[in-house]
Amino acid sequence: MYTVGSLRATARGIFAALAIALWAVVVVRGIALSAGYAPMAVEREAALLVGATLLGSLVVVSKPFLVTSVLGIVAAAITAFAWVDFGLSPEFGLIGTIAWPPVILGAWAIACDYIQ
């Protein structure tokens, strides 16, 4: 008799994991570039984004609740700082639009049982 291990994801779960990981990699790379790190050649940037996204997807698929919780805490902190700095403004809305989608996507994938 064959059994499926605890690592289980549907195609929708894998897509959600890829989207969450890509979002995280792009945001971290954007922060690094804004902090003064020099951009690399296009080929190296592409390899970095693809490699980190695939590795991040494995983490999201294997630990979806943990990743979604951590991203939720980070998004809440970013939102709180944005509220203090900007109040209810277009900047606050933009920051919320950037910070919350991976949290919502992860929660949706977990709630729908696409990622376990």
Protein backbone atom coordinates (compact mmCIF):
# COMPACT_ATOMS: atom_id res chain seq x y z
CA MET A 1 0.00 0.00 0.00
CA TYR A 2 1.32 3.39 -0.98
CA THR A 3 0.85 6.53 1.06
CA VAL A 4 1.37 10.18 0.33
CA GLY A 5 3.69 11.98 2.72
CA SER A 6 2.81 15.13 4.60
CA LEU A 7 4.10 17.25 1.71
CA ARG A 8 1.07 17.66 -0.56
CA ALA A 9 0.13 20.46 -2.87
CA THR A 10 -2.24 20.74 -5.78
CA ALA A 11 -1.43 22.63 -8.95
CA ARG A 12 -3.16 25.68 -7.46
CA GLY A 13 -1.07 25.33 -4.31
CA ILE A 14 2.13 25.15 -6.34
CA PHE A 15 1.07 28.23 -8.32
CA ALA A 16 0.31 30.07 -5.07
CA ALA A 17 3.70 29.02 -3.66
CA LEU A 18 5.48 30.27 -6.79
CA ALA A 19 3.62 33.59 -6.65
CA ILE A 20 4.39 34.08 -2.94
CA ALA A 21 8.06 33.19 -3.39
CA LEU A 22 8.46 35.41 -6.46
CA TRP A 23 6.85 38.32 -4.60
CA ALA A 24 9.25 37.85 -1.67
CA VAL A 25 12.33 37.60 -3.92
CA VAL A 26 11.38 40.69 -5.96
CA VAL A 27 10.67 42.75 -2.82
CA VAL A 28 13.93 41.68 -1.12
CA ARG A 29 15.90 42.38 -4.31
CA GLY A 30 14.23 45.79 -4.62
CA ILE A 31 15.16 46.60 -1.03
CA ALA A 32 18.74 45.48 -1.67
CA LEU A 33 18.99 47.65 -4.78
CA SER A 34 17.55 50.66 -2.95
CA ALA A 35 20.08 50.11 -0.16
CA GLY A 36 22.92 50.63 -2.61
CA TYR A 37 23.75 47.15 -3.86
CA ALA A 38 24.78 47.32 -7.48
CA PRO A 39 22.59 45.52 -10.00
CA MET A 40 24.10 42.48 -11.68
CA ALA A 41 24.09 41.52 -15.35
CA VAL A 42 20.65 40.62 -16.66
CA GLU A 43 21.54 36.92 -16.88
CA ARG A 44 22.68 36.83 -13.25
CA GLU A 45 19.64 38.77 -12.06
CA ALA A 46 17.38 36.32 -13.93
CA ALA A 47 19.23 33.31 -12.49
CA LEU A 48 18.99 34.81 -9.00
CA LEU A 49 15.25 35.46 -9.33
CA VAL A 50 14.48 32.02 -10.80
CA GLY A 51 16.69 30.08 -8.38
CA ALA A 52 15.51 31.93 -5.30
CA THR A 53 11.87 31.67 -6.39
CA LEU A 54 12.08 27.90 -6.89
CA LEU A 55 13.86 27.44 -3.55
CA GLY A 56 11.36 29.72 -1.83
CA SER A 57 8.49 27.76 -3.39
CA LEU A 58 9.78 24.56 -1.80
CA VAL A 59 9.73 26.29 1.58
CA VAL A 60 6.21 27.65 1.02
CA VAL A 61 4.89 24.24 -0.06
CA SER A 62 6.53 22.41 2.85
CA LYS A 63 5.68 24.98 5.56
CA PRO A 64 2.73 27.04 4.25
CA PHE A 65 1.25 27.97 7.63
CA LEU A 66 4.62 29.13 9.00
CA VAL A 67 5.44 31.16 5.88
CA THR A 68 1.98 32.74 5.74
CA SER A 69 2.16 33.58 9.46
CA VAL A 70 5.59 35.19 9.15
CA LEU A 71 4.52 37.14 6.06
CA GLY A 72 1.38 38.23 7.94
CA ILE A 73 3.43 39.53 10.85
CA VAL A 74 5.77 41.38 8.47
CA ALA A 75 2.84 42.83 6.49
CA ALA A 76 1.15 43.95 9.73
CA ALA A 77 4.35 45.66 10.89
CA ILE A 78 4.82 47.38 7.53
CA THR A 79 1.19 48.50 7.60
CA ALA A 80 1.54 49.90 11.13
CA PHE A 81 4.68 51.85 10.20
CA ALA A 82 2.99 53.13 7.05
CA TRP A 83 -0.04 54.26 9.07
CA VAL A 84 2.19 56.18 11.49
CA ASP A 85 4.16 57.78 8.65
CA PHE A 86 1.42 58.48 6.12
CA GLY A 87 -1.99 58.14 7.81
CA LEU A 88 -4.85 57.39 5.46
CA SER A 89 -3.28 58.41 2.16
CA PRO A 90 -2.47 57.06 -1.30
CA GLU A 91 0.99 56.06 -0.06
CA PHE A 92 -0.59 53.98 2.72
CA GLY A 93 -2.85 52.29 0.17
CA LEU A 94 0.09 51.55 -2.12
CA ILE A 95 2.10 50.01 0.72
CA GLY A 96 -0.89 47.87 1.70
CA THR A 97 -1.32 46.78 -1.91
CA ILE A 98 2.31 45.67 -1.99
CA ALA A 99 2.48 44.08 1.48
CA TRP A 100 -0.74 42.05 1.79
CA PRO A 101 -1.26 39.99 -1.43
CA PRO A 102 1.10 37.12 -0.51
CA VAL A 103 -0.51 36.83 2.92
CA ILE A 104 -3.99 36.71 1.41
CA LEU A 105 -2.85 34.26 -1.26
CA GLY A 106 -1.22 31.97 1.31
CA ALA A 107 -4.27 32.07 3.58
CA TRP A 108 -6.53 31.28 0.61
CA ALA A 109 -4.36 28.32 -0.46
CA ILE A 110 -4.35 26.93 3.09
CA ALA A 111 -8.09 27.48 3.63
CA CYS A 112 -8.97 25.82 0.32
CA ASP A 113 -6.64 22.91 1.18
CA TYR A 114 -4.51 23.54 -1.91
CA ILE A 115 -1.39 23.48 0.27
CA GLN A 116 -1.14 21.35 3.40
